[in-house]
Amino acid sequence: MNILLIILQTINLLVMPLLLLGVVRKVKALMQNRVGAPILQPFYDIAKLLRKSETISYNTSWIFIYAPRISLTTAVIAAVLIPWSGQLLPPAWAPATNFIFLLYLLSLGKFFVMLSALDAGSAFGGLGASREAVISILVEPSMVISLGALALAAGDMNMSAIYTHPINPIIAGLAAVALLIASLAELSRMPVDDPTTHLELTMVHEAMILENSGRNLAITEYASAIRMCIFWGLSAQTLLLMLPAYNAMPIMIKYLIGIGLMMIIGITVAFLEGILVRLKWRRVPNYLAFAGLFSLLAAMVAAVRM
């Protein structure tokens, strides 16, 4: 069993992030009546960037060099600890999966990416970092409250316990919707940001990494893909809490169902991005208010049912 868990964790880290990204890009291309790049194109892009040399401004400090590596490190640690593809860790790791610790671990990586954008001295980097900071402030309460509602219902703050405990379907459904809405903003996806835009004044995440190239850009993009798996996989696992029979299934069946639902979420997001338009910046708080509403409803239901 331990060998199986190691294999699944390796697939999660090395295959699933870039595969999910390739599927999303392919579906978006089909929505636009284009053939699009192959699903495996993100693997080719990362391999190409790793072979390229880097162009680094003389104005940058060590922060610009090490920020992508810190972001990747925090994303990998979170990907191992968060049960976004099912419970793959032994019970002894439960204390390390405290949901508040893991959320702020991911925030630490994003903080250093924002610092690297400011460190380069680029006007667009500063604009993107400023917008990312605002989005983080708006998203954080929804993420904490929605996971807190699940923790209240499970009676434990460790995510390994939350996602193996029977949860009321209403609480799980409301929390899942809140997490999914918040994840689109956290990942700079539509309708908060357009990840394929070429207009610098409308960028958020892309504006922060304009100065990156070569290995630094590859590491940044890979970390971003891992974060996508974490947030959409976590949304999928929260939805699956609505099915009481899910936790009783064999680990391999649970893994395949969780990965399949995460892919469905990615395809749905890609489909919506093909028909939606980016919101005006001042309307973003109104959009994220829905995530806050659903998370508060989940918390209220959890508190009433105690």
C-alpha atoms as a PDB file:
ATOM      1  CA  MET A   1       0.000   0.000   0.000  1.00  0.00           C
ATOM      2  CA  ASN A   2       2.837   2.420   0.779  1.00  0.00           C
ATOM      3  CA  ILE A   3       4.326   1.846  -2.677  1.00  0.00           C
ATOM      4  CA  LEU A   4       0.931   2.590  -4.257  1.00  0.00           C
ATOM      5  CA  LEU A   5       0.652   5.852  -2.293  1.00  0.00           C
ATOM      6  CA  ILE A   6       4.144   6.893  -3.404  1.00  0.00           C
ATOM      7  CA  ILE A   7       3.251   6.173  -7.036  1.00  0.00           C
ATOM      8  CA  LEU A   8       0.033   8.174  -6.794  1.00  0.00           C
ATOM      9  CA  GLN A   9       1.796  11.112  -5.118  1.00  0.00           C
ATOM     10  CA  THR A  10       4.452  11.055  -7.862  1.00  0.00           C
ATOM     11  CA  ILE A  11       1.749  11.151 -10.535  1.00  0.00           C
ATOM     12  CA  ASN A  12       0.074  14.012  -8.668  1.00  0.00           C
ATOM     13  CA  LEU A  13       3.259  16.084  -8.642  1.00  0.00           C
ATOM     14  CA  LEU A  14       4.782  15.282 -12.027  1.00  0.00           C
ATOM     15  CA  VAL A  15       1.862  14.500 -14.336  1.00  0.00           C
ATOM     16  CA  MET A  16      -1.494  15.847 -13.171  1.00  0.00           C
ATOM     17  CA  PRO A  17      -0.695  19.618 -12.937  1.00  0.00           C
ATOM     18  CA  LEU A  18       0.543  19.977 -16.513  1.00  0.00           C
ATOM     19  CA  LEU A  19      -1.983  17.461 -17.845  1.00  0.00           C
ATOM     20  CA  LEU A  20      -4.861  19.451 -16.309  1.00  0.00           C
ATOM     21  CA  LEU A  21      -3.437  22.642 -17.792  1.00  0.00           C
ATOM     22  CA  GLY A  22      -3.199  20.999 -21.219  1.00  0.00           C
ATOM     23  CA  VAL A  23      -6.803  19.766 -21.039  1.00  0.00           C
ATOM     24  CA  VAL A  24      -8.069  23.250 -20.084  1.00  0.00           C
ATOM     25  CA  ARG A  25      -6.172  24.882 -22.955  1.00  0.00           C
ATOM     26  CA  LYS A  26      -7.381  22.255 -25.433  1.00  0.00           C
ATOM     27  CA  VAL A  27     -11.031  22.692 -24.452  1.00  0.00           C
ATOM     28  CA  LYS A  28     -10.731  26.477 -24.687  1.00  0.00           C
ATOM     29  CA  ALA A  29      -9.251  26.136 -28.181  1.00  0.00           C
ATOM     30  CA  LEU A  30     -12.135  23.903 -29.280  1.00  0.00           C
ATOM     31  CA  MET A  31     -14.592  26.433 -27.850  1.00  0.00           C
ATOM     32  CA  GLN A  32     -12.995  29.045 -30.137  1.00  0.00           C
ATOM     33  CA  ASN A  33     -13.182  26.759 -33.204  1.00  0.00           C
ATOM     34  CA  ARG A  34      -9.416  26.206 -33.179  1.00  0.00           C
ATOM     35  CA  VAL A  35      -7.505  22.937 -33.222  1.00  0.00           C
ATOM     36  CA  GLY A  36      -5.249  24.194 -30.455  1.00  0.00           C
ATOM     37  CA  ALA A  37      -2.009  22.796 -29.127  1.00  0.00           C
ATOM     38  CA  PRO A  38      -1.729  19.133 -28.076  1.00  0.00           C
ATOM     39  CA  ILE A  39      -2.827  18.273 -24.550  1.00  0.00           C
ATOM     40  CA  LEU A  40       0.812  17.466 -23.703  1.00  0.00           C
ATOM     41  CA  GLN A  41       2.029  20.891 -24.880  1.00  0.00           C
ATOM     42  CA  PRO A  42       2.607  22.190 -21.291  1.00  0.00           C
ATOM     43  CA  PHE A  43       5.148  19.368 -20.787  1.00  0.00           C
ATOM     44  CA  TYR A  44       6.977  20.438 -23.947  1.00  0.00           C
ATOM     45  CA  ASP A  45       6.869  24.106 -22.880  1.00  0.00           C
ATOM     46  CA  ILE A  46       8.349  23.401 -19.442  1.00  0.00           C
ATOM     47  CA  ALA A  47      11.105  21.237 -20.959  1.00  0.00           C
ATOM     48  CA  LYS A  48      11.915  23.985 -23.473  1.00  0.00           C
ATOM     49  CA  LEU A  49      12.033  26.724 -20.826  1.00  0.00           C
ATOM     50  CA  LEU A  50      14.308  24.632 -18.594  1.00  0.00           C
ATOM     51  CA  ARG A  51      16.836  24.457 -21.456  1.00  0.00           C
ATOM     52  CA  LYS A  52      16.763  28.198 -22.127  1.00  0.00           C
ATOM     53  CA  SER A  53      19.052  30.761 -20.516  1.00  0.00           C
ATOM     54  CA  GLU A  54      17.642  33.453 -18.240  1.00  0.00           C
ATOM     55  CA  THR A  55      17.621  37.204 -18.779  1.00  0.00           C
ATOM     56  CA  ILE A  56      17.809  38.919 -15.397  1.00  0.00           C
ATOM     57  CA  SER A  57      17.839  42.654 -14.796  1.00  0.00           C
ATOM     58  CA  TYR A  58      20.785  44.143 -12.911  1.00  0.00           C
ATOM     59  CA  ASN A  59      18.261  45.933 -10.678  1.00  0.00           C
ATOM     60  CA  THR A  60      16.944  42.709  -9.164  1.00  0.00           C
ATOM     61  CA  SER A  61      18.094  41.141  -5.908  1.00  0.00           C
ATOM     62  CA  TRP A  62      18.148  37.583  -4.579  1.00  0.00           C
ATOM     63  CA  ILE A  63      14.367  37.761  -4.145  1.00  0.00           C
ATOM     64  CA  PHE A  64      13.803  37.637  -7.907  1.00  0.00           C
ATOM     65  CA  ILE A  65      16.004  34.547  -8.221  1.00  0.00           C
ATOM     66  CA  TYR A  66      14.664  32.556  -5.289  1.00  0.00           C
ATOM     67  CA  ALA A  67      10.994  33.624  -5.237  1.00  0.00           C
ATOM     68  CA  PRO A  68       9.912  31.088  -7.935  1.00  0.00           C
ATOM     69  CA  ARG A  69      11.758  28.338  -6.067  1.00  0.00           C
ATOM     70  CA  ILE A  70      10.047  29.261  -2.787  1.00  0.00           C
ATOM     71  CA  SER A  71       6.685  29.340  -4.578  1.00  0.00           C
ATOM     72  CA  LEU A  72       7.301  25.877  -6.061  1.00  0.00           C
ATOM     73  CA  THR A  73       8.498  24.481  -2.718  1.00  0.00           C
ATOM     74  CA  THR A  74       5.419  25.676  -0.849  1.00  0.00           C
ATOM     75  CA  ALA A  75       3.137  24.389  -3.627  1.00  0.00           C
ATOM     76  CA  VAL A  76       4.769  20.940  -3.588  1.00  0.00           C
ATOM     77  CA  ILE A  77       4.550  20.664   0.216  1.00  0.00           C
ATOM     78  CA  ALA A  78       0.894  21.711   0.132  1.00  0.00           C
ATOM     79  CA  ALA A  79       0.168  19.290  -2.736  1.00  0.00           C
ATOM     80  CA  VAL A  80       1.540  16.420  -0.651  1.00  0.00           C
ATOM     81  CA  LEU A  81      -0.333  17.376   2.531  1.00  0.00           C
ATOM     82  CA  ILE A  82      -3.700  18.524   1.133  1.00  0.00           C
ATOM     83  CA  PRO A  83      -6.009  15.605   0.195  1.00  0.00           C
ATOM     84  CA  TRP A  84      -6.992  17.084  -3.182  1.00  0.00           C
ATOM     85  CA  SER A  85      -6.910  13.670  -4.873  1.00  0.00           C
ATOM     86  CA  GLY A  86      -8.067  11.593  -1.917  1.00  0.00           C
ATOM     87  CA  GLN A  87      -6.471  10.677   1.381  1.00  0.00           C
ATOM     88  CA  LEU A  88      -2.978   9.536   0.340  1.00  0.00           C
ATOM     89  CA  LEU A  89      -1.145  10.177   3.615  1.00  0.00           C
ATOM     90  CA  PRO A  90      -0.964   7.785   6.599  1.00  0.00           C
ATOM     91  CA  PRO A  91      -2.784   8.922   9.791  1.00  0.00           C
ATOM     92  CA  ALA A  92       0.529   9.865  11.439  1.00  0.00           C
ATOM     93  CA  TRP A  93       0.695  12.936   9.165  1.00  0.00           C
ATOM     94  CA  ALA A  94      -2.676  14.273  10.353  1.00  0.00           C
ATOM     95  CA  PRO A  95      -1.281  17.083  12.604  1.00  0.00           C
ATOM     96  CA  ALA A  96       0.618  18.511   9.610  1.00  0.00           C
ATOM     97  CA  THR A  97      -2.586  18.953   7.604  1.00  0.00           C
ATOM     98  CA  ASN A  98      -4.129  21.731   9.695  1.00  0.00           C
ATOM     99  CA  PHE A  99      -6.112  23.712   7.113  1.00  0.00           C
ATOM    100  CA  ILE A 100      -5.050  27.147   8.401  1.00  0.00           C
ATOM    101  CA  PHE A 101      -1.370  26.175   8.197  1.00  0.00           C
ATOM    102  CA  LEU A 102      -1.795  24.871   4.645  1.00  0.00           C
ATOM    103  CA  LEU A 103      -3.699  27.934   3.416  1.00  0.00           C
ATOM    104  CA  TYR A 104      -1.016  30.260   4.725  1.00  0.00           C
ATOM    105  CA  LEU A 105       1.678  27.998   3.321  1.00  0.00           C
ATOM    106  CA  LEU A 106       0.204  28.611  -0.130  1.00  0.00           C
ATOM    107  CA  SER A 107      -0.087  32.324   0.665  1.00  0.00           C
ATOM    108  CA  LEU A 108       3.625  32.395   1.516  1.00  0.00           C
ATOM    109  CA  GLY A 109       4.525  31.202  -1.971  1.00  0.00           C
ATOM    110  CA  LYS A 110       2.230  33.786  -3.551  1.00  0.00           C
ATOM    111  CA  PHE A 111       3.700  36.503  -1.336  1.00  0.00           C
ATOM    112  CA  PHE A 112       7.196  35.836  -2.692  1.00  0.00           C
ATOM    113  CA  VAL A 113       5.914  35.908  -6.279  1.00  0.00           C
ATOM    114  CA  MET A 114       4.470  39.350  -5.572  1.00  0.00           C
ATOM    115  CA  LEU A 115       7.787  40.420  -4.041  1.00  0.00           C
ATOM    116  CA  SER A 116       9.672  39.263  -7.145  1.00  0.00           C
ATOM    117  CA  ALA A 117       7.322  41.308  -9.338  1.00  0.00           C
ATOM    118  CA  LEU A 118       8.067  44.398  -7.256  1.00  0.00           C
ATOM    119  CA  ASP A 119      11.781  43.588  -7.098  1.00  0.00           C
ATOM    120  CA  ALA A 120      12.171  43.845 -10.886  1.00  0.00           C
ATOM    121  CA  GLY A 121      10.990  47.470 -10.792  1.00  0.00           C
ATOM    122  CA  SER A 122       8.569  46.965 -13.676  1.00  0.00           C
ATOM    123  CA  ALA A 123       5.456  49.144 -13.769  1.00  0.00           C
ATOM    124  CA  PHE A 124       3.349  46.211 -14.935  1.00  0.00           C
ATOM    125  CA  GLY A 125       4.849  43.943 -12.280  1.00  0.00           C
ATOM    126  CA  GLY A 126       3.853  46.400  -9.579  1.00  0.00           C
ATOM    127  CA  LEU A 127       0.359  46.691 -11.066  1.00  0.00           C
ATOM    128  CA  GLY A 128      -0.086  42.919 -11.119  1.00  0.00           C
ATOM    129  CA  ALA A 129       1.276  42.504  -7.583  1.00  0.00           C
ATOM    130  CA  SER A 130      -1.056  45.207  -6.276  1.00  0.00           C
ATOM    131  CA  ARG A 131      -4.087  43.556  -7.855  1.00  0.00           C
ATOM    132  CA  GLU A 132      -3.018  40.118  -6.629  1.00  0.00           C
ATOM    133  CA  ALA A 133      -2.749  41.472  -3.091  1.00  0.00           C
ATOM    134  CA  VAL A 134      -6.276  42.891  -3.271  1.00  0.00           C
ATOM    135  CA  ILE A 135      -7.669  39.615  -4.617  1.00  0.00           C
ATOM    136  CA  SER A 136      -5.912  37.679  -1.856  1.00  0.00           C
ATOM    137  CA  ILE A 137      -7.479  39.900   0.800  1.00  0.00           C
ATOM    138  CA  LEU A 138     -10.935  39.307  -0.696  1.00  0.00           C
ATOM    139  CA  VAL A 139     -10.493  35.552  -1.213  1.00  0.00           C
ATOM    140  CA  GLU A 140      -8.880  34.613   2.099  1.00  0.00           C
ATOM    141  CA  PRO A 141     -12.001  34.988   4.321  1.00  0.00           C
ATOM    142  CA  SER A 142     -14.066  32.764   2.024  1.00  0.00           C
ATOM    143  CA  MET A 143     -11.401  30.052   1.963  1.00  0.00           C
ATOM    144  CA  VAL A 144     -10.946  30.099   5.739  1.00  0.00           C
ATOM    145  CA  ILE A 145     -14.666  30.190   6.557  1.00  0.00           C
ATOM    146  CA  SER A 146     -15.630  27.450   4.084  1.00  0.00           C
ATOM    147  CA  LEU A 147     -12.914  25.075   5.317  1.00  0.00           C
ATOM    148  CA  GLY A 148     -13.702  26.164   8.877  1.00  0.00           C
ATOM    149  CA  ALA A 149     -17.324  25.125   8.335  1.00  0.00           C
ATOM    150  CA  LEU A 150     -16.149  21.670   7.246  1.00  0.00           C
ATOM    151  CA  ALA A 151     -13.830  21.518  10.263  1.00  0.00           C
ATOM    152  CA  LEU A 152     -16.704  22.465  12.569  1.00  0.00           C
ATOM    153  CA  ALA A 153     -18.886  19.748  11.076  1.00  0.00           C
ATOM    154  CA  ALA A 154     -16.084  17.170  11.352  1.00  0.00           C
ATOM    155  CA  GLY A 155     -14.936  18.294  14.796  1.00  0.00           C
ATOM    156  CA  ASP A 156     -11.305  18.508  13.668  1.00  0.00           C
ATOM    157  CA  MET A 157      -9.140  21.161  11.985  1.00  0.00           C
ATOM    158  CA  ASN A 158      -6.903  18.644  10.213  1.00  0.00           C
ATOM    159  CA  MET A 159      -7.827  18.211   6.569  1.00  0.00           C
ATOM    160  CA  SER A 160      -6.947  14.530   6.666  1.00  0.00           C
ATOM    161  CA  ALA A 161      -9.706  14.110   9.266  1.00  0.00           C
ATOM    162  CA  ILE A 162     -12.154  16.488   7.601  1.00  0.00           C
ATOM    163  CA  TYR A 163     -12.093  14.595   4.309  1.00  0.00           C
ATOM    164  CA  THR A 164     -12.543  11.189   5.922  1.00  0.00           C
ATOM    165  CA  HIS A 165     -15.407  12.248   8.213  1.00  0.00           C
ATOM    166  CA  PRO A 166     -19.089  12.110   7.182  1.00  0.00           C
ATOM    167  CA  ILE A 167     -20.215  15.681   6.463  1.00  0.00           C
ATOM    168  CA  ASN A 168     -23.757  16.933   6.034  1.00  0.00           C
ATOM    169  CA  PRO A 169     -24.373  17.242   2.255  1.00  0.00           C
ATOM    170  CA  ILE A 170     -25.722  20.776   2.597  1.00  0.00           C
ATOM    171  CA  ILE A 171     -22.558  21.961   4.356  1.00  0.00           C
ATOM    172  CA  ALA A 172     -20.330  20.159   1.854  1.00  0.00           C
ATOM    173  CA  GLY A 173     -22.234  21.543  -1.138  1.00  0.00           C
ATOM    174  CA  LEU A 174     -22.160  25.158   0.082  1.00  0.00           C
ATOM    175  CA  ALA A 175     -18.480  24.928   1.005  1.00  0.00           C
ATOM    176  CA  ALA A 176     -17.623  23.379  -2.374  1.00  0.00           C
ATOM    177  CA  VAL A 177     -19.328  26.203  -4.279  1.00  0.00           C
ATOM    178  CA  ALA A 178     -17.534  28.793  -2.137  1.00  0.00           C
ATOM    179  CA  LEU A 179     -14.163  27.108  -2.705  1.00  0.00           C
ATOM    180  CA  LEU A 180     -14.719  26.874  -6.447  1.00  0.00           C
ATOM    181  CA  ILE A 181     -15.729  30.530  -6.820  1.00  0.00           C
ATOM    182  CA  ALA A 182     -12.785  31.645  -4.687  1.00  0.00           C
ATOM    183  CA  SER A 183     -10.373  29.383  -6.586  1.00  0.00           C
ATOM    184  CA  LEU A 184     -11.106  31.131  -9.897  1.00  0.00           C
ATOM    185  CA  ALA A 185      -9.937  34.399  -8.364  1.00  0.00           C
ATOM    186  CA  GLU A 186      -7.035  32.763  -6.523  1.00  0.00           C
ATOM    187  CA  LEU A 187      -5.806  31.217  -9.794  1.00  0.00           C
ATOM    188  CA  SER A 188      -6.399  34.414 -11.809  1.00  0.00           C
ATOM    189  CA  ARG A 189      -8.955  32.748 -14.095  1.00  0.00           C
ATOM    190  CA  MET A 190     -12.046  34.207 -15.734  1.00  0.00           C
ATOM    191  CA  PRO A 191     -14.062  36.198 -14.858  1.00  0.00           C
ATOM    192  CA  VAL A 192     -11.465  37.837 -12.567  1.00  0.00           C
ATOM    193  CA  ASP A 193      -8.527  37.645 -14.980  1.00  0.00           C
ATOM    194  CA  ASP A 194      -7.950  36.356 -18.503  1.00  0.00           C
ATOM    195  CA  PRO A 195      -4.890  34.036 -18.457  1.00  0.00           C
ATOM    196  CA  THR A 196      -4.465  34.363 -22.241  1.00  0.00           C
ATOM    197  CA  THR A 197      -4.659  38.138 -22.525  1.00  0.00           C
ATOM    198  CA  HIS A 198      -1.925  40.166 -24.201  1.00  0.00           C
ATOM    199  CA  LEU A 199      -3.053  43.494 -22.744  1.00  0.00           C
ATOM    200  CA  GLU A 200      -0.729  44.314 -19.872  1.00  0.00           C
ATOM    201  CA  LEU A 201      -3.164  46.729 -18.239  1.00  0.00           C
ATOM    202  CA  THR A 202      -5.711  43.934 -17.735  1.00  0.00           C
ATOM    203  CA  MET A 203      -3.280  41.296 -16.432  1.00  0.00           C
ATOM    204  CA  VAL A 204      -2.957  40.060 -12.865  1.00  0.00           C
ATOM    205  CA  HIS A 205      -0.845  36.908 -12.646  1.00  0.00           C
ATOM    206  CA  GLU A 206       0.755  37.350 -16.072  1.00  0.00           C
ATOM    207  CA  ALA A 207       1.789  40.915 -15.242  1.00  0.00           C
ATOM    208  CA  MET A 208       3.729  39.660 -12.219  1.00  0.00           C
ATOM    209  CA  ILE A 209       5.803  37.182 -14.236  1.00  0.00           C
ATOM    210  CA  LEU A 210       6.542  39.323 -17.311  1.00  0.00           C
ATOM    211  CA  GLU A 211      10.172  39.707 -16.227  1.00  0.00           C
ATOM    212  CA  ASN A 212      10.710  35.961 -15.760  1.00  0.00           C
ATOM    213  CA  SER A 213      12.378  33.859 -18.414  1.00  0.00           C
ATOM    214  CA  GLY A 214      14.038  30.498 -18.873  1.00  0.00           C
ATOM    215  CA  ARG A 215      14.253  28.343 -15.749  1.00  0.00           C
ATOM    216  CA  ASN A 216      12.597  30.948 -13.528  1.00  0.00           C
ATOM    217  CA  LEU A 217       9.549  31.095 -15.820  1.00  0.00           C
ATOM    218  CA  ALA A 218       9.354  27.286 -16.009  1.00  0.00           C
ATOM    219  CA  ILE A 219       9.389  26.987 -12.212  1.00  0.00           C
ATOM    220  CA  THR A 220       6.761  29.726 -11.849  1.00  0.00           C
ATOM    221  CA  GLU A 221       4.426  28.151 -14.403  1.00  0.00           C
ATOM    222  CA  TYR A 222       4.850  24.709 -12.864  1.00  0.00           C
ATOM    223  CA  ALA A 223       4.058  26.030  -9.384  1.00  0.00           C
ATOM    224  CA  SER A 224       0.966  27.757 -10.794  1.00  0.00           C
ATOM    225  CA  ALA A 225      -0.186  24.459 -12.374  1.00  0.00           C
ATOM    226  CA  ILE A 226       0.246  22.654  -9.042  1.00  0.00           C
ATOM    227  CA  ARG A 227      -1.835  25.313  -7.304  1.00  0.00           C
ATOM    228  CA  MET A 228      -4.551  24.804  -9.925  1.00  0.00           C
ATOM    229  CA  CYS A 229      -4.659  21.087  -9.112  1.00  0.00           C
ATOM    230  CA  ILE A 230      -4.783  21.811  -5.388  1.00  0.00           C
ATOM    231  CA  PHE A 231      -7.717  24.237  -5.512  1.00  0.00           C
ATOM    232  CA  TRP A 232      -9.819  22.426  -8.110  1.00  0.00           C
ATOM    233  CA  GLY A 233      -9.003  19.039  -6.596  1.00  0.00           C
ATOM    234  CA  LEU A 234      -9.993  20.323  -3.160  1.00  0.00           C
ATOM    235  CA  SER A 235     -13.270  21.619  -4.601  1.00  0.00           C
ATOM    236  CA  ALA A 236     -13.868  18.185  -6.133  1.00  0.00           C
ATOM    237  CA  GLN A 237     -13.141  16.377  -2.865  1.00  0.00           C
ATOM    238  CA  THR A 238     -15.511  18.720  -1.026  1.00  0.00           C
ATOM    239  CA  LEU A 239     -18.263  17.936  -3.542  1.00  0.00           C
ATOM    240  CA  LEU A 240     -17.603  14.225  -3.055  1.00  0.00           C
ATOM    241  CA  LEU A 241     -18.243  14.640   0.676  1.00  0.00           C
ATOM    242  CA  MET A 242     -21.903  14.862  -0.336  1.00  0.00           C
ATOM    243  CA  LEU A 243     -21.740  11.149  -1.224  1.00  0.00           C
ATOM    244  CA  PRO A 244     -21.583   9.087   2.017  1.00  0.00           C
ATOM    245  CA  ALA A 245     -20.440   5.982   0.110  1.00  0.00           C
ATOM    246  CA  TYR A 246     -17.352   7.716  -1.285  1.00  0.00           C
ATOM    247  CA  ASN A 247     -15.182   7.289   1.837  1.00  0.00           C
ATOM    248  CA  ALA A 248     -15.944   3.564   1.978  1.00  0.00           C
ATOM    249  CA  MET A 249     -14.549   2.942  -1.511  1.00  0.00           C
ATOM    250  CA  PRO A 250     -11.088   1.425  -2.158  1.00  0.00           C
ATOM    251  CA  ILE A 251      -8.299   3.993  -2.373  1.00  0.00           C
ATOM    252  CA  MET A 252      -7.687   3.481  -6.106  1.00  0.00           C
ATOM    253  CA  ILE A 253     -11.373   3.933  -6.968  1.00  0.00           C
ATOM    254  CA  LYS A 254     -11.502   7.068  -4.823  1.00  0.00           C
ATOM    255  CA  TYR A 255      -8.394   8.396  -6.521  1.00  0.00           C
ATOM    256  CA  LEU A 256      -9.788   7.859 -10.024  1.00  0.00           C
ATOM    257  CA  ILE A 257     -13.153   9.404  -9.118  1.00  0.00           C
ATOM    258  CA  GLY A 258     -11.456  12.423  -7.509  1.00  0.00           C
ATOM    259  CA  ILE A 259      -9.141  12.984 -10.474  1.00  0.00           C
ATOM    260  CA  GLY A 260     -12.035  12.536 -12.888  1.00  0.00           C
ATOM    261  CA  LEU A 261     -14.193  15.103 -11.087  1.00  0.00           C
ATOM    262  CA  MET A 262     -11.244  17.530 -10.965  1.00  0.00           C
ATOM    263  CA  MET A 263     -10.882  17.142 -14.744  1.00  0.00           C
ATOM    264  CA  ILE A 264     -14.606  17.783 -15.158  1.00  0.00           C
ATOM    265  CA  ILE A 265     -14.247  20.991 -13.122  1.00  0.00           C
ATOM    266  CA  GLY A 266     -11.314  22.027 -15.336  1.00  0.00           C
ATOM    267  CA  ILE A 267     -13.307  21.317 -18.516  1.00  0.00           C
ATOM    268  CA  THR A 268     -16.288  23.241 -17.132  1.00  0.00           C
ATOM    269  CA  VAL A 269     -14.078  26.226 -16.279  1.00  0.00           C
ATOM    270  CA  ALA A 270     -12.551  26.114 -19.773  1.00  0.00           C
ATOM    271  CA  PHE A 271     -16.047  25.999 -21.299  1.00  0.00           C
ATOM    272  CA  LEU A 272     -17.170  28.987 -19.211  1.00  0.00           C
ATOM    273  CA  GLU A 273     -14.027  30.924 -20.134  1.00  0.00           C
ATOM    274  CA  GLY A 274     -14.987  30.442 -23.780  1.00  0.00           C
ATOM    275  CA  ILE A 275     -18.305  32.258 -23.303  1.00  0.00           C
ATOM    276  CA  LEU A 276     -17.636  34.660 -20.407  1.00  0.00           C
ATOM    277  CA  VAL A 277     -15.983  38.062 -20.467  1.00  0.00           C
ATOM    278  CA  ARG A 278     -13.616  39.501 -17.913  1.00  0.00           C
ATOM    279  CA  LEU A 279     -15.284  41.582 -15.209  1.00  0.00           C
ATOM    280  CA  LYS A 280     -14.421  45.210 -14.703  1.00  0.00           C
ATOM    281  CA  TRP A 281     -11.984  45.537 -11.844  1.00  0.00           C
ATOM    282  CA  ARG A 282     -14.454  47.303  -9.529  1.00  0.00           C
ATOM    283  CA  ARG A 283     -16.949  44.447 -10.006  1.00  0.00           C
ATOM    284  CA  VAL A 284     -14.525  41.778  -8.747  1.00  0.00           C
ATOM    285  CA  PRO A 285     -15.487  42.352  -5.053  1.00  0.00           C
ATOM    286  CA  ASN A 286     -19.139  41.805  -6.012  1.00  0.00           C
ATOM    287  CA  TYR A 287     -18.221  38.490  -7.638  1.00  0.00           C
ATOM    288  CA  LEU A 288     -16.187  37.340  -4.636  1.00  0.00           C
ATOM    289  CA  ALA A 289     -19.039  38.331  -2.335  1.00  0.00           C
ATOM    290  CA  PHE A 290     -20.838  35.214  -3.609  1.00  0.00           C
ATOM    291  CA  ALA A 291     -17.976  33.062  -2.316  1.00  0.00           C
ATOM    292  CA  GLY A 292     -18.254  34.807   1.044  1.00  0.00           C
ATOM    293  CA  LEU A 293     -22.025  34.277   1.077  1.00  0.00           C
ATOM    294  CA  PHE A 294     -21.825  30.534   0.394  1.00  0.00           C
ATOM    295  CA  SER A 295     -19.037  30.065   2.941  1.00  0.00           C
ATOM    296  CA  LEU A 296     -21.020  31.924   5.614  1.00  0.00           C
ATOM    297  CA  LEU A 297     -24.113  29.830   4.858  1.00  0.00           C
ATOM    298  CA  ALA A 298     -22.023  26.670   5.228  1.00  0.00           C
ATOM    299  CA  ALA A 299     -20.663  27.927   8.554  1.00  0.00           C
ATOM    300  CA  MET A 300     -24.162  28.827   9.812  1.00  0.00           C
ATOM    301  CA  VAL A 301     -25.543  25.400   8.916  1.00  0.00           C
ATOM    302  CA  ALA A 302     -22.565  23.718  10.594  1.00  0.00           C
ATOM    303  CA  ALA A 303     -23.034  25.808  13.727  1.00  0.00           C
ATOM    304  CA  VAL A 304     -26.781  25.093  13.902  1.00  0.00           C
ATOM    305  CA  ARG A 305     -26.255  21.349  13.528  1.00  0.00           C
ATOM    306  CA  MET A 306     -23.708  21.156  16.373  1.00  0.00           C
END
